[in-house]
Amino acid sequence: MSACLLGLCTRCDGGHKLRRDVVDGLCGLWGVPVCPEQLGGLPTPRAPAEIVPGADGRAADGRDVVEGRARVVSRDGADVTDCYLRGARETLRLAELLGARRAILKEGSPACGVCRIKRGEADVPGAGVTAALLLARGVRCEGIE
């Protein structure tokens, strides 16, 4: 579960996106908070980042990053692809260790977006890096605003 949805201050701006309804909806289940960006070694706060097209110039998402066809670049110009891939792999490893079959992730994030990610100020269709890896390994992912 995206840690920011549980109220942990893990977002790039140092804030959170607490969703009380999500927390209340756990009803006896246990959610494991994860922030793939932090697991990948990025600090909080950090410069916002987005998935940028690869050499072919076509629109890209997390699947393209996982397959080496696109990169993740922070607003200050740093290539943070390796951090996003490391965080995605660590999140998958944790899911596998715990036998997780479902993930609740923050929609719009370049790591956690399930159906959409941010590109500039626009919302575009696509999955984030972590969501793409989890989905490829059979973990059911639900995106939450």
C-alpha atoms as a PDB file:
ATOM      1  CA  MET A   1       0.000   0.000   0.000  1.00  0.00           C
ATOM      2  CA  SER A   2       1.338   3.433  -0.905  1.00  0.00           C
ATOM      3  CA  ALA A   3       2.568   4.850   2.396  1.00  0.00           C
ATOM      4  CA  CYS A   4       1.294   8.353   1.578  1.00  0.00           C
ATOM      5  CA  LEU A   5      -2.303   7.024   1.498  1.00  0.00           C
ATOM      6  CA  LEU A   6      -1.864   5.910   5.116  1.00  0.00           C
ATOM      7  CA  GLY A   7      -0.811   9.428   6.137  1.00  0.00           C
ATOM      8  CA  LEU A   8       2.948   8.915   6.133  1.00  0.00           C
ATOM      9  CA  CYS A   9       4.879  11.943   4.881  1.00  0.00           C
ATOM     10  CA  THR A  10       6.600  10.210   1.963  1.00  0.00           C
ATOM     11  CA  ARG A  11       5.522  12.323  -1.035  1.00  0.00           C
ATOM     12  CA  CYS A  12       8.067  14.294  -3.037  1.00  0.00           C
ATOM     13  CA  ASP A  13       6.933  17.506  -1.311  1.00  0.00           C
ATOM     14  CA  GLY A  14       7.295  15.911   2.121  1.00  0.00           C
ATOM     15  CA  GLY A  15       3.532  15.654   2.574  1.00  0.00           C
ATOM     16  CA  HIS A  16       0.988  12.844   2.497  1.00  0.00           C
ATOM     17  CA  LYS A  17      -2.344  12.025   0.860  1.00  0.00           C
ATOM     18  CA  LEU A  18      -4.111  10.392   3.815  1.00  0.00           C
ATOM     19  CA  ARG A  19      -7.267   8.602   2.741  1.00  0.00           C
ATOM     20  CA  ARG A  20      -9.180   7.855   5.922  1.00  0.00           C
ATOM     21  CA  ASP A  21     -11.671   5.746   3.944  1.00  0.00           C
ATOM     22  CA  VAL A  22      -8.833   3.527   2.720  1.00  0.00           C
ATOM     23  CA  VAL A  23      -7.444   3.136   6.247  1.00  0.00           C
ATOM     24  CA  ASP A  24     -10.917   2.406   7.654  1.00  0.00           C
ATOM     25  CA  GLY A  25     -11.567  -0.027   4.788  1.00  0.00           C
ATOM     26  CA  LEU A  26      -8.728  -2.275   5.892  1.00  0.00           C
ATOM     27  CA  CYS A  27     -11.076  -3.647   8.600  1.00  0.00           C
ATOM     28  CA  GLY A  28      -8.827  -6.156  10.297  1.00  0.00           C
ATOM     29  CA  LEU A  29      -6.548  -6.669   7.313  1.00  0.00           C
ATOM     30  CA  TRP A  30      -3.044  -5.412   7.547  1.00  0.00           C
ATOM     31  CA  GLY A  31      -1.619  -3.092   4.972  1.00  0.00           C
ATOM     32  CA  VAL A  32       2.123  -2.787   4.598  1.00  0.00           C
ATOM     33  CA  PRO A  33       3.113   0.805   3.848  1.00  0.00           C
ATOM     34  CA  VAL A  34       5.697   1.201   1.102  1.00  0.00           C
ATOM     35  CA  CYS A  35       7.170   4.165  -0.709  1.00  0.00           C
ATOM     36  CA  PRO A  36       9.034   2.839  -3.749  1.00  0.00           C
ATOM     37  CA  GLU A  37      10.910   6.103  -4.188  1.00  0.00           C
ATOM     38  CA  GLN A  38      12.280   5.864  -0.643  1.00  0.00           C
ATOM     39  CA  LEU A  39      13.004   2.136  -1.036  1.00  0.00           C
ATOM     40  CA  GLY A  40      14.957   3.070  -4.165  1.00  0.00           C
ATOM     41  CA  GLY A  41      17.150   5.476  -2.200  1.00  0.00           C
ATOM     42  CA  LEU A  42      15.570   8.846  -2.949  1.00  0.00           C
ATOM     43  CA  PRO A  43      15.197  11.380  -0.120  1.00  0.00           C
ATOM     44  CA  THR A  44      12.034  13.026   1.135  1.00  0.00           C
ATOM     45  CA  PRO A  45      11.449  15.735   0.145  1.00  0.00           C
ATOM     46  CA  ARG A  46      12.779  15.294  -3.404  1.00  0.00           C
ATOM     47  CA  ALA A  47      12.346  16.905  -6.801  1.00  0.00           C
ATOM     48  CA  PRO A  48       9.219  15.662  -8.609  1.00  0.00           C
ATOM     49  CA  ALA A  49       9.960  13.223 -11.426  1.00  0.00           C
ATOM     50  CA  GLU A  50       8.245  11.881 -14.508  1.00  0.00           C
ATOM     51  CA  ILE A  51       8.671   9.115 -17.032  1.00  0.00           C
ATOM     52  CA  VAL A  52      10.137  10.470 -20.259  1.00  0.00           C
ATOM     53  CA  PRO A  53      10.099   8.863 -23.701  1.00  0.00           C
ATOM     54  CA  GLY A  54      13.010   6.803 -24.853  1.00  0.00           C
ATOM     55  CA  ALA A  55      14.983   7.170 -28.080  1.00  0.00           C
ATOM     56  CA  ASP A  56      11.957   6.382 -30.251  1.00  0.00           C
ATOM     57  CA  GLY A  57      10.168   9.464 -28.875  1.00  0.00           C
ATOM     58  CA  ARG A  58       6.829   7.766 -28.275  1.00  0.00           C
ATOM     59  CA  ALA A  59       4.872   8.261 -25.063  1.00  0.00           C
ATOM     60  CA  ALA A  60       6.142   5.957 -22.353  1.00  0.00           C
ATOM     61  CA  ASP A  61       5.056   4.556 -18.999  1.00  0.00           C
ATOM     62  CA  GLY A  62       6.440   2.305 -16.282  1.00  0.00           C
ATOM     63  CA  ARG A  63       6.378  -0.781 -18.506  1.00  0.00           C
ATOM     64  CA  ASP A  64       8.801   0.963 -20.836  1.00  0.00           C
ATOM     65  CA  VAL A  65      11.077   1.869 -17.924  1.00  0.00           C
ATOM     66  CA  VAL A  66      11.078  -1.744 -16.659  1.00  0.00           C
ATOM     67  CA  GLU A  67      11.938  -2.947 -20.173  1.00  0.00           C
ATOM     68  CA  GLY A  68      14.711  -0.359 -20.634  1.00  0.00           C
ATOM     69  CA  ARG A  69      12.958   1.756 -23.291  1.00  0.00           C
ATOM     70  CA  ALA A  70      12.342   4.884 -21.186  1.00  0.00           C
ATOM     71  CA  ARG A  71      13.771   6.793 -18.241  1.00  0.00           C
ATOM     72  CA  VAL A  72      12.584   8.607 -15.141  1.00  0.00           C
ATOM     73  CA  VAL A  73      13.931  12.148 -14.849  1.00  0.00           C
ATOM     74  CA  SER A  74      13.439  14.580 -11.977  1.00  0.00           C
ATOM     75  CA  ARG A  75      12.327  18.167 -12.542  1.00  0.00           C
ATOM     76  CA  ASP A  76      15.892  19.302 -11.816  1.00  0.00           C
ATOM     77  CA  GLY A  77      17.180  17.119 -14.683  1.00  0.00           C
ATOM     78  CA  ALA A  78      18.629  14.192 -12.699  1.00  0.00           C
ATOM     79  CA  ASP A  79      18.155  10.720 -14.164  1.00  0.00           C
ATOM     80  CA  VAL A  80      16.555   8.761 -11.296  1.00  0.00           C
ATOM     81  CA  THR A  81      15.664   5.671 -13.343  1.00  0.00           C
ATOM     82  CA  ASP A  82      17.880   3.357 -11.292  1.00  0.00           C
ATOM     83  CA  CYS A  83      16.245   4.525  -8.050  1.00  0.00           C
ATOM     84  CA  TYR A  84      12.751   3.915  -9.441  1.00  0.00           C
ATOM     85  CA  LEU A  85      13.721   0.448 -10.686  1.00  0.00           C
ATOM     86  CA  ARG A  86      15.386  -0.434  -7.360  1.00  0.00           C
ATOM     87  CA  GLY A  87      12.305   0.747  -5.449  1.00  0.00           C
ATOM     88  CA  ALA A  88       9.995  -1.253  -7.722  1.00  0.00           C
ATOM     89  CA  ARG A  89      12.091  -4.400  -7.278  1.00  0.00           C
ATOM     90  CA  GLU A  90      12.208  -3.981  -3.500  1.00  0.00           C
ATOM     91  CA  THR A  91       8.439  -3.441  -3.373  1.00  0.00           C
ATOM     92  CA  LEU A  92       7.931  -6.598  -5.451  1.00  0.00           C
ATOM     93  CA  ARG A  93      10.323  -8.499  -3.192  1.00  0.00           C
ATOM     94  CA  LEU A  94       8.357  -7.403  -0.128  1.00  0.00           C
ATOM     95  CA  ALA A  95       5.069  -8.401  -1.798  1.00  0.00           C
ATOM     96  CA  GLU A  96       6.491 -11.828  -2.631  1.00  0.00           C
ATOM     97  CA  LEU A  97       7.896 -12.336   0.889  1.00  0.00           C
ATOM     98  CA  LEU A  98       4.510 -11.528   2.413  1.00  0.00           C
ATOM     99  CA  GLY A  99       2.442 -13.356  -0.192  1.00  0.00           C
ATOM    100  CA  ALA A 100       0.606 -10.165  -1.133  1.00  0.00           C
ATOM    101  CA  ARG A 101      -1.889 -10.603  -3.947  1.00  0.00           C
ATOM    102  CA  ARG A 102      -3.209  -7.031  -3.963  1.00  0.00           C
ATOM    103  CA  ALA A 103      -1.674  -3.571  -3.852  1.00  0.00           C
ATOM    104  CA  ILE A 104      -3.415  -0.254  -3.208  1.00  0.00           C
ATOM    105  CA  LEU A 105      -1.362   2.461  -4.872  1.00  0.00           C
ATOM    106  CA  LYS A 106      -1.456   6.252  -5.316  1.00  0.00           C
ATOM    107  CA  GLU A 107      -2.810   7.037  -8.765  1.00  0.00           C
ATOM    108  CA  GLY A 108      -0.860   9.574 -10.825  1.00  0.00           C
ATOM    109  CA  SER A 109       2.555   8.763  -9.382  1.00  0.00           C
ATOM    110  CA  PRO A 110       5.459   7.835 -11.699  1.00  0.00           C
ATOM    111  CA  ALA A 111       6.075   4.928  -9.321  1.00  0.00           C
ATOM    112  CA  CYS A 112       2.614   3.930  -8.104  1.00  0.00           C
ATOM    113  CA  GLY A 113       0.151   5.094 -10.759  1.00  0.00           C
ATOM    114  CA  VAL A 114      -1.954   2.158 -11.937  1.00  0.00           C
ATOM    115  CA  CYS A 115      -4.002   3.674 -14.787  1.00  0.00           C
ATOM    116  CA  ARG A 116      -2.506   7.142 -15.132  1.00  0.00           C
ATOM    117  CA  ILE A 117       0.689   9.065 -14.492  1.00  0.00           C
ATOM    118  CA  LYS A 118       1.617  12.751 -14.606  1.00  0.00           C
ATOM    119  CA  ARG A 119       3.519  14.170 -17.548  1.00  0.00           C
ATOM    120  CA  GLY A 120       4.170  17.826 -16.899  1.00  0.00           C
ATOM    121  CA  GLU A 121       0.891  19.137 -15.561  1.00  0.00           C
ATOM    122  CA  ALA A 122      -1.173  16.667 -17.596  1.00  0.00           C
ATOM    123  CA  ASP A 123      -2.602  13.302 -16.622  1.00  0.00           C
ATOM    124  CA  VAL A 124      -1.763  10.658 -19.225  1.00  0.00           C
ATOM    125  CA  PRO A 125      -2.747   6.994 -19.449  1.00  0.00           C
ATOM    126  CA  GLY A 126      -0.194   4.504 -18.201  1.00  0.00           C
ATOM    127  CA  ALA A 127       1.255   2.744 -15.185  1.00  0.00           C
ATOM    128  CA  GLY A 128       4.078   3.846 -12.927  1.00  0.00           C
ATOM    129  CA  VAL A 129       7.259   1.798 -12.625  1.00  0.00           C
ATOM    130  CA  THR A 130       6.290  -0.107  -9.459  1.00  0.00           C
ATOM    131  CA  ALA A 131       2.717  -0.713 -10.582  1.00  0.00           C
ATOM    132  CA  ALA A 132       3.964  -2.024 -13.940  1.00  0.00           C
ATOM    133  CA  LEU A 133       6.321  -4.494 -12.260  1.00  0.00           C
ATOM    134  CA  LEU A 134       3.708  -5.679  -9.752  1.00  0.00           C
ATOM    135  CA  LEU A 135       1.095  -6.125 -12.472  1.00  0.00           C
ATOM    136  CA  ALA A 136       3.557  -8.087 -14.618  1.00  0.00           C
ATOM    137  CA  ARG A 137       4.099 -10.459 -11.693  1.00  0.00           C
ATOM    138  CA  GLY A 138       0.381 -11.029 -11.106  1.00  0.00           C
ATOM    139  CA  VAL A 139      -0.238  -8.671  -8.195  1.00  0.00           C
ATOM    140  CA  ARG A 140      -3.664  -7.034  -8.565  1.00  0.00           C
ATOM    141  CA  CYS A 141      -3.197  -3.266  -8.302  1.00  0.00           C
ATOM    142  CA  GLU A 142      -5.863  -0.725  -7.412  1.00  0.00           C
ATOM    143  CA  GLY A 143      -5.185   2.966  -7.997  1.00  0.00           C
ATOM    144  CA  ILE A 144      -6.537   5.475  -5.457  1.00  0.00           C
ATOM    145  CA  GLU A 145      -6.619   9.252  -5.938  1.00  0.00           C
END
